[in-house]
N, C-alpha and C. Protein backbone atom coordinates (compact mmCIF):
# COMPACT_ATOMS: atom_id res chain seq x y z
N MET A 1 -19.29 2.06 -27.35
CA MET A 1 -18.22 1.30 -26.76
C MET A 1 -18.27 1.38 -25.24
N SER A 2 -18.75 2.50 -24.69
CA SER A 2 -18.80 2.63 -23.25
C SER A 2 -19.88 1.75 -22.64
N GLY A 3 -20.75 1.14 -23.45
CA GLY A 3 -21.79 0.28 -22.94
C GLY A 3 -21.33 -1.16 -22.75
N THR A 4 -20.16 -1.53 -23.22
CA THR A 4 -19.69 -2.90 -23.10
C THR A 4 -19.12 -3.13 -21.71
N PRO A 5 -19.17 -4.35 -21.21
CA PRO A 5 -18.65 -4.64 -19.88
C PRO A 5 -17.17 -4.34 -19.75
N ASP A 6 -16.38 -4.57 -20.80
CA ASP A 6 -14.95 -4.28 -20.73
C ASP A 6 -14.70 -2.78 -20.60
N ALA A 7 -15.45 -1.96 -21.31
CA ALA A 7 -15.29 -0.51 -21.24
C ALA A 7 -15.68 0.00 -19.86
N SER A 8 -16.73 -0.56 -19.29
CA SER A 8 -17.17 -0.15 -17.95
C SER A 8 -16.09 -0.50 -16.92
N HIS A 9 -15.52 -1.68 -17.07
CA HIS A 9 -14.45 -2.10 -16.16
C HIS A 9 -13.23 -1.20 -16.32
N THR A 10 -12.91 -0.86 -17.54
CA THR A 10 -11.76 0.03 -17.81
C THR A 10 -12.03 1.42 -17.24
N ASP A 11 -13.25 1.91 -17.40
CA ASP A 11 -13.59 3.22 -16.84
C ASP A 11 -13.47 3.21 -15.32
N GLN A 12 -13.91 2.13 -14.69
CA GLN A 12 -13.82 2.03 -13.23
C GLN A 12 -12.37 1.98 -12.77
N ARG A 13 -11.56 1.22 -13.50
CA ARG A 13 -10.14 1.15 -13.16
C ARG A 13 -9.47 2.51 -13.32
N LEU A 14 -9.82 3.22 -14.40
CA LEU A 14 -9.26 4.54 -14.63
C LEU A 14 -9.68 5.51 -13.52
N THR A 15 -10.94 5.43 -13.12
CA THR A 15 -11.43 6.28 -12.03
C THR A 15 -10.68 5.97 -10.73
N ASN A 16 -10.48 4.69 -10.45
CA ASN A 16 -9.74 4.30 -9.24
C ASN A 16 -8.30 4.81 -9.28
N LEU A 17 -7.67 4.74 -10.45
CA LEU A 17 -6.30 5.26 -10.58
C LEU A 17 -6.25 6.77 -10.39
N GLU A 18 -7.26 7.47 -10.90
CA GLU A 18 -7.30 8.92 -10.72
C GLU A 18 -7.49 9.28 -9.25
N ILE A 19 -8.30 8.51 -8.53
CA ILE A 19 -8.50 8.74 -7.10
C ILE A 19 -7.19 8.50 -6.35
N LYS A 20 -6.53 7.39 -6.66
CA LYS A 20 -5.24 7.10 -6.01
C LYS A 20 -4.22 8.19 -6.30
N ALA A 21 -4.18 8.66 -7.54
CA ALA A 21 -3.23 9.72 -7.90
C ALA A 21 -3.54 11.00 -7.12
N SER A 22 -4.82 11.29 -6.95
CA SER A 22 -5.22 12.48 -6.19
C SER A 22 -4.78 12.37 -4.74
N TYR A 23 -5.01 11.20 -4.11
CA TYR A 23 -4.58 10.99 -2.73
C TYR A 23 -3.06 11.06 -2.61
N THR A 24 -2.37 10.50 -3.59
CA THR A 24 -0.91 10.53 -3.58
C THR A 24 -0.38 11.95 -3.69
N GLU A 25 -0.99 12.75 -4.53
CA GLU A 25 -0.59 14.14 -4.68
C GLU A 25 -0.83 14.92 -3.39
N ASP A 26 -1.96 14.68 -2.73
CA ASP A 26 -2.25 15.34 -1.46
C ASP A 26 -1.25 14.93 -0.39
N LEU A 27 -0.93 13.65 -0.33
CA LEU A 27 0.06 13.16 0.63
C LEU A 27 1.43 13.79 0.38
N LEU A 28 1.81 13.91 -0.88
CA LEU A 28 3.08 14.53 -1.23
C LEU A 28 3.12 15.99 -0.78
N ASP A 29 2.02 16.71 -0.96
CA ASP A 29 1.95 18.09 -0.51
C ASP A 29 2.09 18.18 1.02
N GLN A 30 1.45 17.27 1.73
CA GLN A 30 1.56 17.25 3.19
C GLN A 30 2.99 16.96 3.63
N LEU A 31 3.63 16.00 2.98
CA LEU A 31 5.01 15.66 3.31
C LEU A 31 5.96 16.82 3.00
N ASP A 32 5.71 17.52 1.92
CA ASP A 32 6.52 18.70 1.60
C ASP A 32 6.40 19.74 2.70
N ALA A 33 5.19 19.96 3.20
CA ALA A 33 4.98 20.93 4.28
C ALA A 33 5.72 20.51 5.55
N VAL A 34 5.72 19.22 5.84
CA VAL A 34 6.43 18.71 7.01
C VAL A 34 7.93 18.94 6.85
N ILE A 35 8.44 18.68 5.67
CA ILE A 35 9.88 18.86 5.42
C ILE A 35 10.27 20.33 5.56
N VAL A 36 9.45 21.22 5.04
CA VAL A 36 9.73 22.66 5.15
C VAL A 36 9.75 23.06 6.62
N ARG A 37 8.75 22.60 7.40
CA ARG A 37 8.70 22.94 8.83
C ARG A 37 9.91 22.38 9.57
N GLN A 38 10.29 21.15 9.27
CA GLN A 38 11.44 20.55 9.93
C GLN A 38 12.73 21.29 9.57
N GLN A 39 12.87 21.72 8.34
CA GLN A 39 14.06 22.46 7.94
C GLN A 39 14.14 23.78 8.68
N GLN A 40 12.99 24.44 8.86
CA GLN A 40 12.97 25.69 9.62
C GLN A 40 13.39 25.45 11.06
N GLN A 41 12.91 24.34 11.65
CA GLN A 41 13.30 24.01 13.02
C GLN A 41 14.79 23.69 13.10
N ILE A 42 15.32 22.98 12.12
CA ILE A 42 16.74 22.66 12.10
C ILE A 42 17.57 23.94 12.00
N ASP A 43 17.16 24.85 11.12
CA ASP A 43 17.87 26.12 10.98
C ASP A 43 17.86 26.91 12.28
N LEU A 44 16.71 26.92 12.96
CA LEU A 44 16.61 27.63 14.24
C LEU A 44 17.51 26.99 15.28
N LEU A 45 17.54 25.67 15.34
CA LEU A 45 18.39 24.98 16.30
C LEU A 45 19.87 25.21 16.00
N ILE A 46 20.24 25.22 14.74
CA ILE A 46 21.64 25.49 14.39
C ILE A 46 22.05 26.88 14.83
N SER A 47 21.18 27.86 14.60
CA SER A 47 21.53 29.22 15.02
C SER A 47 21.59 29.32 16.54
N GLU A 48 20.74 28.59 17.24
CA GLU A 48 20.77 28.60 18.71
C GLU A 48 22.04 27.94 19.23
N ILE A 49 22.44 26.84 18.63
CA ILE A 49 23.69 26.18 19.03
C ILE A 49 24.88 27.10 18.76
N THR A 50 24.87 27.75 17.62
CA THR A 50 25.95 28.68 17.29
C THR A 50 26.03 29.80 18.33
N ARG A 51 24.88 30.32 18.71
CA ARG A 51 24.83 31.39 19.71
C ARG A 51 25.33 30.89 21.06
N LEU A 52 24.95 29.65 21.42
CA LEU A 52 25.37 29.11 22.71
C LEU A 52 26.86 28.79 22.76
N ARG A 53 27.46 28.53 21.62
CA ARG A 53 28.89 28.22 21.58
C ARG A 53 29.77 29.46 21.65
N GLN A 54 29.18 30.62 21.46
CA GLN A 54 29.96 31.85 21.52
C GLN A 54 30.39 32.09 22.96
N PRO A 55 31.62 32.57 23.14
CA PRO A 55 32.10 32.81 24.51
C PRO A 55 31.29 33.90 25.19
N VAL A 56 31.13 33.71 26.49
CA VAL A 56 30.40 34.69 27.29
C VAL A 56 31.35 35.84 27.61
N PRO A 57 30.92 37.07 27.38
CA PRO A 57 31.80 38.20 27.69
C PRO A 57 32.03 38.32 29.20
N GLU A 58 33.27 38.61 29.55
CA GLU A 58 33.63 38.77 30.97
C GLU A 58 33.07 40.09 31.48
N SER A 59 32.48 40.04 32.66
CA SER A 59 31.99 41.26 33.28
C SER A 59 32.30 41.21 34.77
N GLY A 60 32.00 42.28 35.47
CA GLY A 60 32.27 42.34 36.90
C GLY A 60 31.53 41.25 37.66
N VAL A 61 30.32 40.96 37.29
CA VAL A 61 29.53 39.92 37.94
C VAL A 61 29.35 38.78 36.94
N SER A 62 29.79 37.61 37.33
CA SER A 62 29.70 36.47 36.43
C SER A 62 28.28 35.92 36.43
N ALA A 63 27.65 35.92 35.26
CA ALA A 63 26.29 35.41 35.15
C ALA A 63 26.30 33.89 35.13
N VAL A 64 27.40 33.32 34.66
CA VAL A 64 27.51 31.87 34.60
C VAL A 64 28.45 31.43 35.71
N ARG A 65 27.97 30.54 36.54
CA ARG A 65 28.80 30.07 37.65
C ARG A 65 29.24 28.64 37.40
N ASN A 66 30.40 28.35 37.88
CA ASN A 66 30.92 27.00 37.81
C ASN A 66 30.28 26.20 38.94
N PRO A 67 29.66 25.06 38.66
CA PRO A 67 29.03 24.27 39.71
C PRO A 67 30.01 23.84 40.80
N ARG A 68 31.30 23.72 40.48
CA ARG A 68 32.29 23.34 41.50
C ARG A 68 32.45 24.44 42.55
N ASP A 69 32.19 25.68 42.16
CA ASP A 69 32.28 26.77 43.12
C ASP A 69 31.16 26.69 44.16
N GLU A 70 30.13 25.95 43.87
CA GLU A 70 28.98 25.86 44.75
C GLU A 70 29.10 24.70 45.75
N LEU A 71 30.14 23.87 45.66
CA LEU A 71 30.29 22.72 46.55
C LEU A 71 30.58 23.20 47.98
N PRO A 72 30.02 22.53 48.95
CA PRO A 72 30.34 22.88 50.33
C PRO A 72 31.82 22.58 50.63
N PRO A 73 32.38 23.23 51.64
CA PRO A 73 33.83 23.09 51.92
C PRO A 73 34.26 21.67 52.26
N HIS A 74 33.40 20.84 52.78
CA HIS A 74 33.83 19.50 53.18
C HIS A 74 34.04 18.56 52.01
N TYR A 75 33.77 18.98 50.80
CA TYR A 75 34.04 18.15 49.64
C TYR A 75 35.43 18.41 49.23
């Protein structure tokens, strides 16, 4: 049966579908890796934003200055 033209055509189509499925599976794995990396970056950014929103402790020397304090007197 594999010697008939229809069987050869079917085998070729099946081979092409297997190749496409293989490429699709590889692409899916790559996309999964991208999503994992992006989620890690999002988590890092969320923790950084949370840290930045925390109030700065008051100390004798202010590490954070108000830009208005830096204006020359003529303003």
